[in-house]
Amino acid sequence: MAKTGKKIKKKDPAAVERSKRNMKIVTSQTCAACKQQCQRGLTYLEKMSKPGAIGFGVPCILTRGK
C-alpha cells in the first residue's frame, strides 16, 4: 500500500533567524531612490534630512535573504 498523504515541512527557527541577518544596510540615498519605499526607509529619510544628523544606515527589507 502506498501512502497518499503529504508530509508538511516545518520551518526551522534557525533558518528564519539567518534570513533576518541577511538584510543589507542601506543609506538614505538608496532609500530616496527606491521604487518601493517602506515605512522604515521613509522614517530614516526624514531623520537624515535634519541638519547635523548622523546615520549608519537602515536594514532594507527588500534585500532580505531567503
PDB file of N, CA and C in Angstrom:
ATOM      1  N   MET A   1       0.833  -1.181   0.000  1.00  0.00           N
ATOM      2  CA  MET A   1       0.000   0.000   0.000  1.00  0.00           C
ATOM      3  C   MET A   1       0.879   1.245   0.000  1.00  0.00           C
ATOM      4  N   ALA A   2       0.515   2.160  -0.825  1.00  0.00           N
ATOM      5  CA  ALA A   2       1.264   3.409  -0.921  1.00  0.00           C
ATOM      6  C   ALA A   2       0.628   4.464  -0.023  1.00  0.00           C
ATOM      7  N   LYS A   3       1.463   5.308   0.503  1.00  0.00           N
ATOM      8  CA  LYS A   3       0.955   6.397   1.336  1.00  0.00           C
ATOM      9  C   LYS A   3       0.424   7.496   0.430  1.00  0.00           C
ATOM     10  N   THR A   4      -0.691   8.081   0.789  1.00  0.00           N
ATOM     11  CA  THR A   4      -1.294   9.124  -0.029  1.00  0.00           C
ATOM     12  C   THR A   4      -1.116  10.515   0.566  1.00  0.00           C
ATOM     13  N   GLY A   5      -0.798  10.601   1.830  1.00  0.00           N
ATOM     14  CA  GLY A   5      -0.668  11.906   2.483  1.00  0.00           C
ATOM     15  C   GLY A   5       0.702  12.526   2.221  1.00  0.00           C
ATOM     16  N   LYS A   6       0.699  13.827   2.200  1.00  0.00           N
ATOM     17  CA  LYS A   6       1.969  14.535   2.013  1.00  0.00           C
ATOM     18  C   LYS A   6       2.498  14.969   3.372  1.00  0.00           C
ATOM     19  N   LYS A   7       3.805  14.996   3.481  1.00  0.00           N
ATOM     20  CA  LYS A   7       4.422  15.471   4.706  1.00  0.00           C
ATOM     21  C   LYS A   7       4.563  16.989   4.619  1.00  0.00           C
ATOM     22  N   ILE A   8       4.234  17.660   5.686  1.00  0.00           N
ATOM     23  CA  ILE A   8       4.355  19.107   5.739  1.00  0.00           C
ATOM     24  C   ILE A   8       5.635  19.442   6.486  1.00  0.00           C
ATOM     25  N   LYS A   9       6.504  20.205   5.821  1.00  0.00           N
ATOM     26  CA  LYS A   9       7.766  20.583   6.444  1.00  0.00           C
ATOM     27  C   LYS A   9       7.540  21.779   7.356  1.00  0.00           C
ATOM     28  N   LYS A  10       8.101  21.700   8.550  1.00  0.00           N
ATOM     29  CA  LYS A  10       8.024  22.814   9.481  1.00  0.00           C
ATOM     30  C   LYS A  10       9.206  23.736   9.232  1.00  0.00           C
ATOM     31  N   LYS A  11       8.968  25.042   9.400  1.00  0.00           N
ATOM     32  CA  LYS A  11      10.050  25.994   9.205  1.00  0.00           C
ATOM     33  C   LYS A  11      11.021  25.902  10.374  1.00  0.00           C
ATOM     34  N   ASP A  12      12.278  25.860  10.022  1.00  0.00           N
ATOM     35  CA  ASP A  12      13.333  25.789  11.014  1.00  0.00           C
ATOM     36  C   ASP A  12      13.548  27.177  11.610  1.00  0.00           C
ATOM     37  N   PRO A  13      13.456  27.352  12.927  1.00  0.00           N
ATOM     38  CA  PRO A  13      13.647  28.684  13.524  1.00  0.00           C
ATOM     39  C   PRO A  13      15.028  29.264  13.233  1.00  0.00           C
ATOM     40  N   ALA A  14      16.024  28.404  13.101  1.00  0.00           N
ATOM     41  CA  ALA A  14      17.371  28.888  12.798  1.00  0.00           C
ATOM     42  C   ALA A  14      17.422  29.464  11.376  1.00  0.00           C
ATOM     43  N   ALA A  15      16.691  28.882  10.447  1.00  0.00           N
ATOM     44  CA  ALA A  15      16.675  29.384   9.071  1.00  0.00           C
ATOM     45  C   ALA A  15      16.000  30.746   8.998  1.00  0.00           C
ATOM     46  N   VAL A  16      14.970  30.950   9.785  1.00  0.00           N
ATOM     47  CA  VAL A  16      14.286  32.239   9.815  1.00  0.00           C
ATOM     48  C   VAL A  16      15.227  33.300  10.371  1.00  0.00           C
ATOM     49  N   GLU A  17      15.968  32.960  11.412  1.00  0.00           N
ATOM     50  CA  GLU A  17      16.908  33.905  12.021  1.00  0.00           C
ATOM     51  C   GLU A  17      18.029  34.259  11.047  1.00  0.00           C
ATOM     52  N   ARG A  18      18.499  33.292  10.272  1.00  0.00           N
ATOM     53  CA  ARG A  18      19.558  33.564   9.292  1.00  0.00           C
ATOM     54  C   ARG A  18      19.079  34.545   8.232  1.00  0.00           C
ATOM     55  N   SER A  19      17.831  34.432   7.794  1.00  0.00           N
ATOM     56  CA  SER A  19      17.340  35.332   6.761  1.00  0.00           C
ATOM     57  C   SER A  19      17.204  36.754   7.295  1.00  0.00           C
ATOM     58  N   LYS A  20      16.907  36.912   8.578  1.00  0.00           N
ATOM     59  CA  LYS A  20      16.822  38.247   9.160  1.00  0.00           C
ATOM     60  C   LYS A  20      18.194  38.918   9.171  1.00  0.00           C
ATOM     61  N   ARG A  21      19.219  38.128   9.389  1.00  0.00           N
ATOM     62  CA  ARG A  21      20.568  38.693   9.449  1.00  0.00           C
ATOM     63  C   ARG A  21      21.127  38.994   8.076  1.00  0.00           C
ATOM     64  N   ASN A  22      20.470  38.576   7.010  1.00  0.00           N
ATOM     65  CA  ASN A  22      20.984  38.778   5.670  1.00  0.00           C
ATOM     66  C   ASN A  22      20.503  40.065   5.024  1.00  0.00           C
ATOM     67  N   MET A  23      19.750  40.895   5.730  1.00  0.00           N
ATOM     68  CA  MET A  23      19.302  42.153   5.148  1.00  0.00           C
ATOM     69  C   MET A  23      20.489  43.100   5.003  1.00  0.00           C
ATOM     70  N   LYS A  24      20.547  43.796   3.890  1.00  0.00           N
ATOM     71  CA  LYS A  24      21.630  44.737   3.657  1.00  0.00           C
ATOM     72  C   LYS A  24      21.330  46.059   4.343  1.00  0.00           C
ATOM     73  N   ILE A  25      22.374  46.724   4.812  1.00  0.00           N
ATOM     74  CA  ILE A  25      22.247  48.047   5.406  1.00  0.00           C
ATOM     75  C   ILE A  25      22.364  49.059   4.277  1.00  0.00           C
ATOM     76  N   VAL A  26      21.354  49.902   4.115  1.00  0.00           N
ATOM     77  CA  VAL A  26      21.350  50.888   3.040  1.00  0.00           C
ATOM     78  C   VAL A  26      21.356  52.297   3.622  1.00  0.00           C
ATOM     79  N   THR A  27      21.845  53.238   2.837  1.00  0.00           N
ATOM     80  CA  THR A  27      21.925  54.626   3.265  1.00  0.00           C
ATOM     81  C   THR A  27      20.692  55.390   2.809  1.00  0.00           C
ATOM     82  N   SER A  28      20.621  56.654   3.189  1.00  0.00           N
ATOM     83  CA  SER A  28      19.458  57.468   2.854  1.00  0.00           C
ATOM     84  C   SER A  28      19.360  57.726   1.346  1.00  0.00           C
ATOM     85  N   GLN A  29      20.488  57.745   0.634  1.00  0.00           N
ATOM     86  CA  GLN A  29      20.440  57.937  -0.818  1.00  0.00           C
ATOM     87  C   GLN A  29      19.763  56.752  -1.492  1.00  0.00           C
ATOM     88  N   THR A  30      20.009  55.556  -0.994  1.00  0.00           N
ATOM     89  CA  THR A  30      19.382  54.359  -1.544  1.00  0.00           C
ATOM     90  C   THR A  30      17.887  54.365  -1.254  1.00  0.00           C
ATOM     91  N   CYS A  31      17.501  54.785  -0.055  1.00  0.00           N
ATOM     92  CA  CYS A  31      16.076  54.853   0.303  1.00  0.00           C
ATOM     93  C   CYS A  31      15.348  55.890  -0.546  1.00  0.00           C
ATOM     94  N   ALA A  32      16.015  56.985  -0.852  1.00  0.00           N
ATOM     95  CA  ALA A  32      15.389  58.034  -1.655  1.00  0.00           C
ATOM     96  C   ALA A  32      15.162  57.557  -3.083  1.00  0.00           C
ATOM     97  N   ALA A  33      16.058  56.731  -3.612  1.00  0.00           N
ATOM     98  CA  ALA A  33      15.957  56.258  -4.986  1.00  0.00           C
ATOM     99  C   ALA A  33      15.101  55.005  -5.131  1.00  0.00           C
ATOM    100  N   CYS A  34      14.682  54.417  -4.030  1.00  0.00           N
ATOM    101  CA  CYS A  34      13.933  53.168  -4.055  1.00  0.00           C
ATOM    102  C   CYS A  34      12.539  53.376  -4.646  1.00  0.00           C
ATOM    103  N   LYS A  35      12.099  52.414  -5.459  1.00  0.00           N
ATOM    104  CA  LYS A  35      10.774  52.493  -6.075  1.00  0.00           C
ATOM    105  C   LYS A  35       9.680  52.067  -5.100  1.00  0.00           C
ATOM    106  N   GLN A  36      10.010  51.160  -4.170  1.00  0.00           N
ATOM    107  CA  GLN A  36       9.044  50.669  -3.185  1.00  0.00           C
ATOM    108  C   GLN A  36       9.471  51.155  -1.809  1.00  0.00           C
ATOM    109  N   GLN A  37       9.188  52.393  -1.493  1.00  0.00           N
ATOM    110  CA  GLN A  37       9.649  52.956  -0.230  1.00  0.00           C
ATOM    111  C   GLN A  37       8.824  52.413   0.930  1.00  0.00           C
ATOM    112  N   CYS A  38       9.523  51.865   1.916  1.00  0.00           N
ATOM    113  CA  CYS A  38       8.860  51.300   3.086  1.00  0.00           C
ATOM    114  C   CYS A  38       8.813  52.341   4.202  1.00  0.00           C
ATOM    115  N   GLN A  39       8.059  52.038   5.235  1.00  0.00           N
ATOM    116  CA  GLN A  39       7.896  52.975   6.348  1.00  0.00           C
ATOM    117  C   GLN A  39       9.211  53.194   7.078  1.00  0.00           C
ATOM    118  N   ARG A  40       9.998  52.151   7.245  1.00  0.00           N
ATOM    119  CA  ARG A  40      11.282  52.275   7.923  1.00  0.00           C
ATOM    120  C   ARG A  40      12.219  53.196   7.155  1.00  0.00           C
ATOM    121  N   GLY A  41      12.237  53.056   5.834  1.00  0.00           N
ATOM    122  CA  GLY A  41      13.083  53.903   4.998  1.00  0.00           C
ATOM    123  C   GLY A  41      12.631  55.351   5.000  1.00  0.00           C
ATOM    124  N   LEU A  42      11.327  55.574   4.970  1.00  0.00           N
ATOM    125  CA  LEU A  42      10.809  56.945   4.982  1.00  0.00           C
ATOM    126  C   LEU A  42      11.115  57.636   6.305  1.00  0.00           C
ATOM    127  N   THR A  43      11.026  56.909   7.406  1.00  0.00           N
ATOM    128  CA  THR A  43      11.364  57.467   8.710  1.00  0.00           C
ATOM    129  C   THR A  43      12.842  57.821   8.771  1.00  0.00           C
ATOM    130  N   TYR A  44      13.677  56.954   8.210  1.00  0.00           N
ATOM    131  CA  TYR A  44      15.119  57.200   8.176  1.00  0.00           C
ATOM    132  C   TYR A  44      15.440  58.409   7.297  1.00  0.00           C
ATOM    133  N   LEU A  45      14.754  58.544   6.165  1.00  0.00           N
ATOM    134  CA  LEU A  45      14.959  59.705   5.294  1.00  0.00           C
ATOM    135  C   LEU A  45      14.614  60.998   6.019  1.00  0.00           C
ATOM    136  N   GLU A  46      13.518  60.975   6.749  1.00  0.00           N
ATOM    137  CA  GLU A  46      13.097  62.163   7.495  1.00  0.00           C
ATOM    138  C   GLU A  46      14.128  62.520   8.566  1.00  0.00           C
ATOM    139  N   LYS A  47      14.646  61.511   9.252  1.00  0.00           N
ATOM    140  CA  LYS A  47      15.652  61.729  10.290  1.00  0.00           C
ATOM    141  C   LYS A  47      16.939  62.302   9.693  1.00  0.00           C
ATOM    142  N   MET A  48      17.348  61.772   8.544  1.00  0.00           N
ATOM    143  CA  MET A  48      18.601  62.191   7.936  1.00  0.00           C
ATOM    144  C   MET A  48      18.498  63.545   7.232  1.00  0.00           C
ATOM    145  N   SER A  49      17.289  64.033   6.987  1.00  0.00           N
ATOM    146  CA  SER A  49      17.140  65.318   6.306  1.00  0.00           C
ATOM    147  C   SER A  49      17.399  66.504   7.238  1.00  0.00           C
ATOM    148  N   LYS A  50      17.436  66.245   8.532  1.00  0.00           N
ATOM    149  CA  LYS A  50      17.703  67.306   9.507  1.00  0.00           C
ATOM    150  C   LYS A  50      19.197  67.635   9.506  1.00  0.00           C
ATOM    151  N   PRO A  51      19.553  68.911   9.658  1.00  0.00           N
ATOM    152  CA  PRO A  51      20.978  69.292   9.661  1.00  0.00           C
ATOM    153  C   PRO A  51      21.729  68.667  10.841  1.00  0.00           C
ATOM    154  N   GLY A  52      22.908  68.184  10.579  1.00  0.00           N
ATOM    155  CA  GLY A  52      23.753  67.596  11.616  1.00  0.00           C
ATOM    156  C   GLY A  52      23.407  66.171  11.989  1.00  0.00           C
ATOM    157  N   ALA A  53      22.532  65.539  11.254  1.00  0.00           N
ATOM    158  CA  ALA A  53      22.136  64.159  11.567  1.00  0.00           C
ATOM    159  C   ALA A  53      23.246  63.186  11.183  1.00  0.00           C
ATOM    160  N   ILE A  54      23.477  62.217  12.045  1.00  0.00           N
ATOM    161  CA  ILE A  54      24.470  61.182  11.782  1.00  0.00           C
ATOM    162  C   ILE A  54      23.732  59.854  11.722  1.00  0.00           C
ATOM    163  N   GLY A  55      23.934  59.134  10.642  1.00  0.00           N
ATOM    164  CA  GLY A  55      23.250  57.859  10.478  1.00  0.00           C
ATOM    165  C   GLY A  55      24.201  56.780  10.014  1.00  0.00           C
ATOM    166  N   PHE A  56      23.857  55.564  10.345  1.00  0.00           N
ATOM    167  CA  PHE A  56      24.683  54.420   9.974  1.00  0.00           C
ATOM    168  C   PHE A  56      23.962  53.494   9.017  1.00  0.00           C
ATOM    169  N   GLY A  57      22.831  53.924   8.486  1.00  0.00           N
ATOM    170  CA  GLY A  57      22.060  53.112   7.563  1.00  0.00           C
ATOM    171  C   GLY A  57      20.918  52.412   8.278  1.00  0.00           C
ATOM    172  N   VAL A  58      20.112  51.757   7.479  1.00  0.00           N
ATOM    173  CA  VAL A  58      18.947  51.051   7.995  1.00  0.00           C
ATOM    174  C   VAL A  58      18.836  49.719   7.249  1.00  0.00           C
ATOM    175  N   PRO A  59      18.448  48.618   7.927  1.00  0.00           N
ATOM    176  CA  PRO A  59      18.280  47.339   7.224  1.00  0.00           C
ATOM    177  C   PRO A  59      17.133  47.427   6.224  1.00  0.00           C
ATOM    178  N   CYS A  60      17.384  46.997   5.012  1.00  0.00           N
ATOM    179  CA  CYS A  60      16.390  47.080   3.939  1.00  0.00           C
ATOM    180  C   CYS A  60      15.650  45.755   3.839  1.00  0.00           C
ATOM    181  N   ILE A  61      14.345  45.799   4.005  1.00  0.00           N
ATOM    182  CA  ILE A  61      13.507  44.597   3.950  1.00  0.00           C
ATOM    183  C   ILE A  61      13.475  44.005   2.551  1.00  0.00           C
ATOM    184  N   LEU A  62      13.732  44.820   1.534  1.00  0.00           N
ATOM    185  CA  LEU A  62      13.687  44.341   0.155  1.00  0.00           C
ATOM    186  C   LEU A  62      14.928  43.544  -0.229  1.00  0.00           C
ATOM    187  N   THR A  63      15.990  43.633   0.567  1.00  0.00           N
ATOM    188  CA  THR A  63      17.214  42.889   0.273  1.00  0.00           C
ATOM    189  C   THR A  63      17.383  41.713   1.217  1.00  0.00           C
ATOM    190  N   ARG A  64      16.299  41.215   1.753  1.00  0.00           N
ATOM    191  CA  ARG A  64      16.312  40.123   2.716  1.00  0.00           C
ATOM    192  C   ARG A  64      16.729  38.822   2.040  1.00  0.00           C
ATOM    193  N   GLY A  65      17.522  38.031   2.723  1.00  0.00           N
ATOM    194  CA  GLY A  65      17.935  36.728   2.211  1.00  0.00           C
ATOM    195  C   GLY A  65      16.825  35.716   2.338  1.00  0.00           C
ATOM    196  N   LYS A  66      16.968  34.590   1.671  1.00  0.00           N
ATOM    197  CA  LYS A  66      15.935  33.551   1.721  1.00  0.00           C
ATOM    198  C   LYS A  66      16.494  32.285   2.317  1.00  0.00           C
TER     199      LYS A  66
END
